[in-house]
């Protein structure tokens, strides 16, 4: 049986615990991979920014929670979510059948195609035949990696996975790679529009096969968090209707990225 002092201590611990839970209820821990310009990247002073970051903040405002951004390597995003390191992934994660087996998704908040990028004077025109023996960098755990492994590797392409997309661009610059498979908007902002991207460009058709690339980008959540999913779905609808989504999109890209 507890004495008075022990009871008071236990009560204090419960109060502190309750306060912590209340504080947690007012925040949304959001995982991001800040190597994916213009969707998620860092300002010169190290702050997270980009389309995904602003969308996350807008959604948090709608559900009256404060976004707390947690940096995470891409290929361990879903394990980190399941381990409760954060509450949501808002970092350009495509809604694919494979991922839907282990996490829940909101409705989409954008949808863009991917493409293959090579040196424009390389003579590569026929895909995948002309890529045989070429080295293409891809983001590990991405839909682009799934496509490259499923369609390009059997044709003799050397597929090289990387922990971050910006590492792919560094190795293209150094001559270790012949190209990449990447989201068209991201590779334009992160590489083609930079001095290092001069002379490089898209080859072949847009890549959007559902079995690899899914049906757009959504917020990933734990399957049991159905109430949060419903809140975020409503918030996505609201920011589309009130002009917030377009304002954010126009800040970072000059094309319509809502998609089909």
Protein backbone atom coordinates (compact mmCIF):
# COMPACT_ATOMS: atom_id res chain seq x y z
CA UNK A 1 0.00 0.00 0.00
CA UNK A 2 1.35 3.45 -0.94
CA UNK A 3 2.25 5.89 1.82
CA UNK A 4 1.35 9.56 1.43
CA UNK A 5 4.76 10.56 0.04
CA UNK A 6 4.75 7.73 -2.52
CA UNK A 7 1.18 8.54 -3.52
CA UNK A 8 2.06 12.21 -4.08
CA UNK A 9 5.10 11.21 -6.16
CA UNK A 10 3.02 8.81 -8.27
CA UNK A 11 0.36 11.49 -8.77
CA UNK A 12 3.01 13.96 -9.88
CA UNK A 13 4.40 11.45 -12.39
CA UNK A 14 0.93 10.83 -13.78
CA UNK A 15 0.38 14.58 -14.11
CA UNK A 16 3.69 15.02 -15.94
CA UNK A 17 2.90 12.07 -18.19
CA UNK A 18 -0.55 13.48 -18.92
CA UNK A 19 0.91 16.87 -19.76
CA UNK A 20 3.43 15.26 -22.12
CA UNK A 21 0.64 13.35 -23.85
CA UNK A 22 -1.39 16.53 -24.19
CA UNK A 23 1.62 18.28 -25.69
CA UNK A 24 2.19 15.39 -28.11
CA UNK A 25 -1.46 15.56 -29.15
CA UNK A 26 -0.83 19.12 -30.31
CA UNK A 27 2.03 18.17 -32.61
CA UNK A 28 2.41 16.04 -35.74
CA UNK A 29 5.84 14.51 -36.23
CA UNK A 30 6.44 14.49 -39.98
CA UNK A 31 9.21 12.51 -41.68
CA UNK A 32 11.04 14.16 -44.58
CA UNK A 33 14.04 13.35 -46.75
CA UNK A 34 15.49 16.84 -47.41
CA UNK A 35 17.46 15.86 -50.53
CA UNK A 36 14.64 16.15 -53.05
CA UNK A 37 14.43 19.67 -54.45
CA UNK A 38 11.97 21.37 -55.06
CA UNK A 39 9.75 19.09 -52.94
CA UNK A 40 11.91 18.79 -49.81
CA UNK A 41 15.27 20.46 -49.26
CA UNK A 42 17.11 22.78 -46.90
CA UNK A 43 17.67 26.51 -46.93
CA UNK A 44 21.28 27.75 -46.65
CA UNK A 45 20.78 28.07 -42.88
CA UNK A 46 19.64 24.44 -42.60
CA UNK A 47 15.87 24.85 -42.29
CA UNK A 48 13.60 22.38 -44.11
CA UNK A 49 11.65 23.88 -46.99
CA UNK A 50 9.99 22.93 -50.26
CA UNK A 51 6.59 21.97 -51.61
CA UNK A 52 6.17 18.96 -49.29
CA UNK A 53 7.20 20.98 -46.23
CA UNK A 54 4.77 23.81 -47.01
CA UNK A 55 1.97 21.33 -47.77
CA UNK A 56 2.64 19.59 -44.44
CA UNK A 57 2.48 22.92 -42.61
CA UNK A 58 -0.78 23.82 -44.36
CA UNK A 59 -2.31 20.47 -43.43
CA UNK A 60 -1.16 20.84 -39.82
CA UNK A 61 -2.79 24.26 -39.70
CA UNK A 62 -6.07 22.74 -40.89
CA UNK A 63 -6.05 19.99 -38.25
CA UNK A 64 -4.80 22.42 -35.59
CA UNK A 65 -1.53 20.66 -34.88
CA UNK A 66 2.06 21.88 -35.10
CA UNK A 67 4.36 20.16 -37.59
CA UNK A 68 7.65 18.89 -36.19
CA UNK A 69 9.90 17.74 -39.03
CA UNK A 70 12.05 14.64 -38.58
CA UNK A 71 14.80 13.97 -41.14
CA UNK A 72 14.96 10.36 -42.30
CA UNK A 73 16.83 8.47 -45.02
CA UNK A 74 14.40 7.46 -47.74
CA UNK A 75 14.79 3.68 -47.69
CA UNK A 76 14.03 3.53 -43.95
CA UNK A 77 11.02 5.86 -44.04
CA UNK A 78 8.36 3.19 -43.57
CA UNK A 79 10.25 1.22 -40.87
CA UNK A 80 10.66 4.49 -38.95
CA UNK A 81 6.92 5.16 -39.20
CA UNK A 82 6.11 1.69 -37.92
CA UNK A 83 8.60 2.16 -35.08
CA UNK A 84 6.69 5.34 -34.10
CA UNK A 85 9.65 7.66 -34.68
CA UNK A 86 7.12 9.99 -36.31
CA UNK A 87 3.41 10.11 -37.09
CA UNK A 88 3.33 10.71 -40.84
CA UNK A 89 5.48 10.71 -43.95
CA UNK A 90 4.98 13.81 -46.09
CA UNK A 91 7.93 13.50 -48.42
CA UNK A 92 6.74 12.69 -51.96
CA UNK A 93 5.85 9.06 -51.20
CA UNK A 94 3.88 7.49 -54.06
CA UNK A 95 0.78 5.46 -53.28
CA UNK A 96 1.70 2.02 -54.60
CA UNK A 97 0.05 -1.39 -54.09
CA UNK A 98 3.20 -2.71 -52.40
CA UNK A 99 3.33 0.12 -49.87
CA UNK A 100 -0.41 -0.08 -49.21
CA UNK A 101 0.17 -3.55 -47.81
CA UNK A 102 2.05 -2.08 -44.84
CA UNK A 103 0.92 1.55 -44.45
CA UNK A 104 -2.23 3.60 -45.00
CA UNK A 105 -2.33 6.58 -47.35
CA UNK A 106 -4.43 9.69 -47.59
CA UNK A 107 -5.78 10.73 -50.96
CA UNK A 108 -3.14 12.18 -53.28
CA UNK A 109 -1.79 15.70 -52.89
CA UNK A 110 0.10 15.68 -56.21
CA UNK A 111 0.97 13.37 -59.10
CA UNK A 112 3.89 13.76 -61.51
CA UNK A 113 5.55 11.34 -63.96
CA UNK A 114 9.13 10.13 -63.89
CA UNK A 115 11.63 9.94 -66.74
CA UNK A 116 15.10 8.78 -67.74
CA UNK A 117 17.79 11.45 -67.89
CA UNK A 118 20.97 11.06 -69.97
CA UNK A 119 23.50 13.27 -71.75
CA UNK A 120 21.79 14.70 -74.81
CA UNK A 121 24.75 13.96 -77.09
CA UNK A 122 25.06 10.34 -75.91
CA UNK A 123 23.17 8.93 -78.89
CA UNK A 124 20.67 7.19 -76.60
CA UNK A 125 17.24 7.18 -78.23
CA UNK A 126 15.71 3.71 -78.10
CA UNK A 127 14.68 2.66 -74.60
CA UNK A 128 15.80 0.30 -73.19
CA UNK A 129 18.01 -1.08 -76.03
CA UNK A 130 20.40 1.89 -76.17
CA UNK A 131 20.87 1.82 -72.40
CA UNK A 132 22.48 -1.63 -72.34
CA UNK A 133 25.70 -1.48 -70.32
CA UNK A 134 24.97 2.06 -69.07
CA UNK A 135 25.00 2.94 -65.36
CA UNK A 136 21.88 4.68 -64.05
CA UNK A 137 21.59 5.97 -60.50
CA UNK A 138 18.31 5.70 -58.60
CA UNK A 139 17.07 6.53 -55.13
CA UNK A 140 17.07 3.40 -52.97
CA UNK A 141 13.57 2.25 -52.07
CA UNK A 142 11.91 4.56 -54.61
CA UNK A 143 9.37 3.83 -57.32
CA UNK A 144 12.08 4.74 -59.82
CA UNK A 145 14.29 1.98 -58.41
CA UNK A 146 11.40 -0.50 -58.73
CA UNK A 147 10.91 0.50 -62.37
CA UNK A 148 14.62 0.34 -63.16
CA UNK A 149 15.00 -3.09 -61.57
CA UNK A 150 11.87 -4.39 -63.27
CA UNK A 151 12.32 -2.97 -66.76
CA UNK A 152 15.88 -1.76 -67.31
CA UNK A 153 18.07 -4.24 -65.44
CA UNK A 154 16.74 -7.21 -67.49
CA UNK A 155 17.78 -5.26 -70.62
CA UNK A 156 21.38 -5.03 -69.41
CA UNK A 157 21.30 -1.68 -67.66
CA UNK A 158 23.45 -1.37 -64.52
CA UNK A 159 21.13 0.03 -61.84
CA UNK A 160 22.96 1.73 -58.95
CA UNK A 161 20.88 2.58 -55.84
CA UNK A 162 21.78 5.60 -53.68
CA UNK A 163 20.72 6.68 -50.19
CA UNK A 164 19.78 10.16 -51.44
CA UNK A 165 18.92 11.61 -54.84
CA UNK A 166 21.44 14.44 -54.55
CA UNK A 167 24.20 11.79 -54.32
CA UNK A 168 23.10 10.57 -57.75
CA UNK A 169 23.73 14.03 -59.20
CA UNK A 170 27.17 14.21 -57.62
CA UNK A 171 28.16 10.94 -59.29
CA UNK A 172 26.71 12.05 -62.62
CA UNK A 173 28.90 15.14 -62.35
CA UNK A 174 31.98 13.05 -61.52
CA UNK A 175 31.37 10.72 -64.48
CA UNK A 176 30.54 7.61 -62.43
CA UNK A 177 27.02 7.45 -63.86
CA UNK A 178 25.50 7.72 -67.33
CA UNK A 179 22.19 9.03 -66.07
CA UNK A 180 19.29 8.55 -63.69
CA UNK A 181 15.63 7.64 -63.45
CA UNK A 182 13.87 10.36 -61.47
CA UNK A 183 10.68 12.35 -60.96
CA UNK A 184 10.53 14.88 -63.80
CA UNK A 185 9.86 17.88 -61.57
CA UNK A 186 12.47 16.90 -58.99
CA UNK A 187 15.24 16.21 -61.52
CA UNK A 188 14.47 19.50 -63.25
CA UNK A 189 14.77 21.47 -60.01
CA UNK A 190 17.57 19.44 -58.47
CA UNK A 191 19.78 18.89 -61.51
CA UNK A 192 18.71 19.94 -65.01
CA UNK A 193 18.17 23.60 -64.07
CA UNK A 194 21.61 23.81 -62.42
CA UNK A 195 24.96 24.44 -64.16
CA UNK A 196 25.86 20.74 -63.68
CA UNK A 197 22.76 19.74 -65.66
CA UNK A 198 23.75 21.58 -68.82
CA UNK A 199 23.73 19.20 -71.77
CA UNK A 200 21.54 16.64 -69.99
CA UNK A 201 17.88 15.95 -70.65
CA UNK A 202 14.98 13.51 -70.85
CA UNK A 203 14.92 10.50 -73.15
CA UNK A 204 12.02 8.19 -73.93
CA UNK A 205 8.39 8.52 -72.85
CA UNK A 206 7.10 9.65 -69.49
CA UNK A 207 7.09 6.83 -66.93
CA UNK A 208 3.84 6.41 -65.03
CA UNK A 209 2.94 2.70 -65.09
CA UNK A 210 0.73 2.09 -62.07
CA UNK A 211 2.43 -1.13 -61.00
CA UNK A 212 5.64 0.83 -60.39
CA UNK A 213 4.61 4.43 -59.84
CA UNK A 214 1.22 4.03 -58.20
CA UNK A 215 -1.56 6.59 -58.29
CA UNK A 216 -0.06 9.80 -57.03
CA UNK A 217 1.69 11.00 -53.89
CA UNK A 218 -0.06 10.82 -50.53
CA UNK A 219 0.61 11.16 -46.81
CA UNK A 220 1.70 7.78 -45.38
CA UNK A 221 0.37 6.78 -41.96
CA UNK A 222 0.19 3.74 -39.74
CA UNK A 223 -2.79 1.59 -40.70
CA UNK A 224 -4.48 2.01 -37.33
CA UNK A 225 -4.43 5.83 -37.50
CA UNK A 226 -7.75 6.05 -39.34
CA UNK A 227 -8.96 9.19 -37.53
CA UNK A 228 -5.79 11.05 -38.51
CA UNK A 229 -6.16 9.86 -42.10
CA UNK A 230 -9.73 11.18 -42.21
CA UNK A 231 -8.63 14.53 -40.79
CA UNK A 232 -5.83 14.86 -43.33
CA UNK A 233 -8.07 13.85 -46.24
CA UNK A 234 -10.46 16.62 -45.25
CA UNK A 235 -7.53 19.03 -44.93
CA UNK A 236 -6.26 18.15 -48.44
CA UNK A 237 -9.71 18.84 -49.86
CA UNK A 238 -9.84 22.16 -47.99
CA UNK A 239 -6.45 23.49 -49.13
CA UNK A 240 -7.30 22.54 -52.72
CA UNK A 241 -10.60 24.41 -52.50
CA UNK A 242 -9.38 27.55 -50.74
CA UNK A 243 -6.40 28.19 -53.02
CA UNK A 244 -3.66 27.32 -50.52
CA UNK A 245 -2.50 24.29 -52.51
CA UNK A 246 -2.12 26.31 -55.73
CA UNK A 247 -0.31 29.11 -53.93
CA UNK A 248 2.22 26.61 -52.55
CA UNK A 249 2.60 24.83 -55.90
CA UNK A 250 3.16 28.11 -57.76
CA UNK A 251 5.92 28.99 -55.30
CA UNK A 252 8.01 25.96 -56.26
CA UNK A 253 7.02 24.78 -59.75
CA UNK A 254 5.72 26.39 -62.94
CA UNK A 255 3.51 23.52 -64.13
CA UNK A 256 0.34 21.85 -62.85
CA UNK A 257 1.47 18.98 -60.62
CA UNK A 258 -1.96 17.87 -59.42
CA UNK A 259 -1.96 15.33 -62.24
CA UNK A 260 -4.57 12.86 -63.36
